[in-house]
C-alpha cells in the first residue's frame, strides 16, 4: 500500500459517496460533494492508494480565521496505518496556510483518543443544539 495525499484533490462524487457510506454506514448517497466543497470549504485532503480514494477530510470555514474539520473518513482496509492522522495534519497545514487561526472538531466519544491523543486537538467546552 502506497498512500499519496492531495490538498484540494479532484473529487469524484461517486467515489466519495461510496467511501462516506463505508465509513459512516448506510447506503451510498448522491451528494454533490464537488459543489458542496467549492461553496463551503477552504480545502479538503484526499488520500489515494494507486488511484483509489481511501481517505478524505473536509475543512469547512467561516470565511475568516475559524476552520472546521468535517467528514474525516478512511477506508476500512487502510485504518490503523496512520492515514487518518496524516489527513488531519495536512488539513491543519492547509487551513493555516489559508490564514485560519483555529481548527475546530466535534467528535463522538469513541473517537476521543484519535482526535485528542493522536491528532493533538485539546478538549474545550462547546455546546450543541439538535435541529
Protein backbone atom coordinates (compact mmCIF):
# COMPACT_ATOMS: atom_id res chain seq x y z
CA UNK A 1 0.00 0.00 0.00
CA UNK A 2 1.43 3.34 -1.10
CA UNK A 3 -0.71 6.25 0.06
CA UNK A 4 -0.44 9.67 -1.53
CA UNK A 5 -2.20 12.80 -0.29
CA UNK A 6 -3.57 15.79 -2.10
CA UNK A 7 -4.83 19.15 -0.78
CA UNK A 8 -7.97 20.14 -2.69
CA UNK A 9 -7.78 16.93 -4.71
CA UNK A 10 -10.04 16.28 -7.67
CA UNK A 11 -13.12 14.69 -6.10
CA UNK A 12 -15.32 12.21 -7.89
CA UNK A 13 -18.76 12.39 -6.29
CA UNK A 14 -19.39 8.65 -6.73
CA UNK A 15 -16.11 7.62 -5.13
CA UNK A 16 -16.58 9.97 -2.17
CA UNK A 17 -20.20 8.93 -1.69
CA UNK A 18 -19.07 5.27 -1.61
CA UNK A 19 -16.24 5.98 0.85
CA UNK A 20 -18.58 8.02 3.04
CA UNK A 21 -21.12 5.16 3.10
CA UNK A 22 -18.38 2.67 4.02
CA UNK A 23 -17.02 4.86 6.79
CA UNK A 24 -20.24 6.12 8.33
CA UNK A 25 -22.66 3.33 7.44
CA UNK A 26 -25.82 3.48 5.43
CA UNK A 27 -26.49 3.42 1.72
CA UNK A 28 -24.35 5.14 -0.87
CA UNK A 29 -25.69 8.67 -1.22
CA UNK A 30 -25.93 11.01 -4.18
CA UNK A 31 -24.31 14.07 -2.61
CA UNK A 32 -22.76 16.64 -4.94
CA UNK A 33 -19.52 16.79 -2.96
CA UNK A 34 -17.70 18.89 -5.54
CA UNK A 35 -20.37 21.62 -5.35
CA UNK A 36 -20.54 21.48 -1.55
CA UNK A 37 -16.78 21.70 -1.16
CA UNK A 38 -16.45 24.60 -3.59
CA UNK A 39 -19.19 26.55 -1.75
CA UNK A 40 -18.26 25.91 1.88
CA UNK A 41 -14.69 24.70 2.27
CA UNK A 42 -11.31 26.33 2.49
CA UNK A 43 -9.97 22.97 1.38
CA UNK A 44 -10.01 19.22 1.79
CA UNK A 45 -7.49 16.43 1.76
CA UNK A 46 -7.76 13.24 -0.26
CA UNK A 47 -5.78 10.06 0.38
CA UNK A 48 -5.18 7.82 -2.62
CA UNK A 49 -3.91 4.27 -2.95
CA UNK A 50 -3.00 3.59 -6.60
CA UNK A 51 -5.71 5.95 -7.82
CA UNK A 52 -8.41 4.75 -5.42
CA UNK A 53 -9.85 7.22 -2.91
CA UNK A 54 -9.13 5.68 0.52
CA UNK A 55 -9.34 8.72 2.80
CA UNK A 56 -10.87 12.15 2.98
CA UNK A 57 -11.31 15.10 5.32
CA UNK A 58 -13.18 18.35 4.68
CA UNK A 59 -12.04 21.71 6.08
CA UNK A 60 -15.11 23.95 6.14
CA UNK A 61 -14.67 27.54 7.29
CA UNK A 62 -16.35 30.77 8.30
CA UNK A 63 -14.55 32.82 5.66
CA UNK A 64 -12.24 34.20 8.35
CA UNK A 65 -9.97 32.62 10.94
CA UNK A 66 -12.06 29.59 12.00
CA UNK A 67 -11.91 26.26 10.16
CA UNK A 68 -13.93 23.16 10.99
CA UNK A 69 -12.87 19.57 10.42
CA UNK A 70 -15.72 17.50 8.94
CA UNK A 71 -16.28 14.10 7.39
CA UNK A 72 -12.95 12.51 8.31
CA UNK A 73 -13.13 9.04 6.81
CA UNK A 74 -10.66 6.27 5.97
CA UNK A 75 -11.40 3.07 4.05
CA UNK A 76 -11.64 0.07 6.35
CA UNK A 77 -8.64 -1.65 4.77
CA UNK A 78 -6.43 1.41 5.44
CA UNK A 79 -7.34 2.06 9.08
CA UNK A 80 -4.64 1.81 11.70
CA UNK A 81 -1.89 2.75 9.25
CA UNK A 82 -1.67 6.49 10.00
CA UNK A 83 -3.87 7.63 7.12
CA UNK A 84 -6.35 9.43 9.39
CA UNK A 85 -3.71 11.30 11.38
CA UNK A 86 -1.95 12.32 8.16
CA UNK A 87 -5.23 13.59 6.70
CA UNK A 88 -5.79 15.73 9.81
CA UNK A 89 -2.19 17.01 9.88
CA UNK A 90 -2.39 18.06 6.24
CA UNK A 91 -5.83 19.63 6.80
CA UNK A 92 -4.37 21.71 9.64
CA UNK A 93 -1.43 22.76 7.46
CA UNK A 94 -3.75 23.72 4.62
CA UNK A 95 -6.04 25.72 6.91
CA UNK A 96 -3.04 27.51 8.45
CA UNK A 97 -1.68 28.36 5.00
CA UNK A 98 -5.09 29.79 4.07
CA UNK A 99 -4.90 32.19 7.04
CA UNK A 100 -7.03 30.30 9.55
CA UNK A 101 -6.00 30.57 13.21
CA UNK A 102 -8.26 27.89 14.72
CA UNK A 103 -9.24 24.38 13.67
CA UNK A 104 -12.34 23.07 15.42
CA UNK A 105 -13.59 19.49 15.53
CA UNK A 106 -16.60 17.76 17.07
CA UNK A 107 -16.48 14.02 17.56
CA UNK A 108 -18.24 11.10 19.17
CA UNK A 109 -16.77 9.73 22.40
CA UNK A 110 -15.28 6.63 20.72
CA UNK A 111 -13.11 8.96 18.59
CA UNK A 112 -11.75 10.92 21.57
CA UNK A 113 -8.34 9.20 21.62
CA UNK A 114 -7.92 9.71 17.87
CA UNK A 115 -8.64 13.44 17.96
CA UNK A 116 -7.06 14.37 21.29
CA UNK A 117 -4.16 11.93 21.58
CA UNK A 118 -3.23 11.04 18.00
CA UNK A 119 -4.07 14.34 16.28
CA UNK A 120 -3.25 16.84 19.02
CA UNK A 121 -6.57 18.59 19.50
CA UNK A 122 -7.28 19.81 23.02
CA UNK A 123 -10.60 19.42 24.78
CA UNK A 124 -12.72 22.57 25.03
CA UNK A 125 -16.16 23.47 26.29
CA UNK A 126 -18.67 23.53 23.47
CA UNK A 127 -22.40 23.47 23.01
CA UNK A 128 -24.78 21.82 20.60
CA UNK A 129 -28.46 22.16 19.72
CA UNK A 130 -30.07 19.31 17.77
CA UNK A 131 -32.16 20.79 14.95
